[in-house]
Protein backbone atom coordinates (compact mmCIF):
# COMPACT_ATOMS: atom_id res chain seq x y z
CA MET A 1 62.09 -65.51 -21.53
CA ASN A 2 60.32 -68.86 -21.83
CA PHE A 3 57.72 -69.79 -24.44
CA GLN A 4 54.69 -68.87 -22.30
CA GLU A 5 56.14 -65.48 -21.39
CA HIS A 6 56.97 -64.80 -25.03
CA ALA A 7 53.46 -65.82 -26.15
CA ALA A 8 51.84 -63.73 -23.41
CA ASP A 9 54.01 -60.77 -24.40
CA ARG A 10 52.82 -61.08 -28.00
CA ILE A 11 49.19 -61.27 -26.89
CA GLU A 12 49.64 -58.27 -24.60
CA SER A 13 51.42 -56.13 -27.17
CA PRO A 14 49.50 -56.42 -30.43
CA LEU A 15 49.57 -53.62 -32.93
CA PRO A 16 47.68 -50.61 -31.59
CA GLY A 17 43.97 -51.07 -32.15
CA ALA A 18 44.43 -54.60 -33.48
CA LEU A 19 42.51 -56.33 -30.68
CA PRO A 20 40.05 -55.00 -28.10
CA ALA A 21 41.26 -55.11 -24.50
CA THR A 22 38.45 -57.52 -23.60
CA THR A 23 39.71 -59.99 -26.21
CA VAL A 24 43.30 -59.77 -25.00
CA ALA A 25 42.34 -60.02 -21.32
CA GLY A 26 40.06 -62.99 -22.01
CA ALA A 27 42.69 -64.77 -24.08
CA LEU A 28 45.29 -64.32 -21.36
CA ALA A 29 42.87 -65.53 -18.69
CA ILE A 30 42.00 -68.68 -20.63
CA ARG A 31 45.67 -69.34 -21.35
CA ALA A 32 46.41 -69.03 -17.63
CA LEU A 33 43.57 -71.43 -16.81
CA VAL A 34 44.87 -74.02 -19.27
CA MET A 35 48.38 -73.63 -17.90
CA ALA A 36 47.16 -73.98 -14.30
CA MET A 37 45.03 -77.03 -15.00
CA GLY A 38 47.94 -78.58 -16.87
CA GLY A 39 50.31 -77.96 -13.97
CA GLU A 40 52.47 -75.54 -15.97
CA ASP A 41 54.56 -72.93 -14.19
CA GLY A 42 54.04 -69.28 -15.01
CA HIS A 43 50.26 -69.21 -15.08
CA GLY A 44 50.23 -66.64 -12.27
CA ILE A 45 52.17 -64.12 -14.36
CA VAL A 46 49.79 -64.52 -17.29
CA LEU A 47 46.75 -64.28 -15.02
CA GLN A 48 48.08 -61.15 -13.29
CA ARG A 49 48.43 -59.45 -16.69
CA ALA A 50 44.85 -60.43 -17.57
CA LEU A 51 43.62 -59.03 -14.25
CA ALA A 52 45.53 -55.78 -14.85
CA LEU A 53 43.89 -55.40 -18.24
CA GLU A 54 40.47 -56.22 -16.79
CA ALA A 55 40.88 -53.43 -14.23
CA GLY A 56 40.89 -50.91 -17.08
CA ILE A 57 37.75 -52.27 -18.74
CA GLU A 58 34.45 -50.65 -17.80
CA GLY A 59 31.21 -52.55 -17.59
CA PRO A 60 30.46 -56.24 -17.15
CA PHE A 61 32.98 -58.63 -18.64
CA GLY A 62 31.09 -61.91 -18.58
CA GLU A 63 31.53 -65.39 -17.22
CA TRP A 64 35.06 -65.82 -18.59
CA SER A 65 36.39 -62.62 -17.05
CA PRO A 66 39.93 -62.75 -15.71
CA SER A 67 38.49 -62.38 -12.19
CA ALA A 68 36.19 -65.38 -12.68
CA VAL A 69 39.07 -67.42 -14.08
CA ALA A 70 41.33 -66.33 -11.20
CA ALA A 71 38.63 -67.45 -8.74
CA GLU A 72 38.46 -70.87 -10.38
CA VAL A 73 42.25 -71.27 -10.45
CA ALA A 74 42.42 -70.34 -6.77
CA ARG A 75 39.55 -72.73 -5.95
CA HIS A 76 41.27 -75.63 -7.72
CA ALA A 77 44.48 -74.83 -5.87
CA GLY A 78 42.66 -74.92 -2.54
CA ASP A 79 43.07 -71.19 -1.93
CA VAL A 80 39.63 -70.53 -0.46
CA ASP A 81 40.35 -66.94 0.60
CA GLY A 82 41.82 -66.06 -2.79
CA SER A 83 38.88 -67.64 -4.55
CA ARG A 84 36.41 -65.68 -2.42
CA GLN A 85 38.24 -62.42 -3.11
CA HIS A 86 38.10 -62.96 -6.87
CA TYR A 87 34.46 -64.06 -6.76
CA ALA A 88 33.67 -60.88 -4.79
CA THR A 89 35.14 -58.86 -7.67
CA VAL A 90 33.03 -60.79 -10.17
CA LEU A 91 29.85 -60.21 -8.17
CA ALA A 92 30.50 -56.52 -7.46
């Protein structure tokens, strides 16, 4: 397990009730964005975990939702279809 995976695991598995799911999902999404923009490997794993958490959250998440971040990461990577799919989730 590398440093990013270990850090993501600690963010994902806080003590029960210690952090709201929106906080954890947002933190993971931002970490994935920073990793992606910095050219670090492993950002996809972190972002997938954020998206999985987001799927269990009801109601609007906001502009830094994991889906919005995933759309931006895909856009910067030139993945137009992936970006559109994530933006569709944000706008739904």
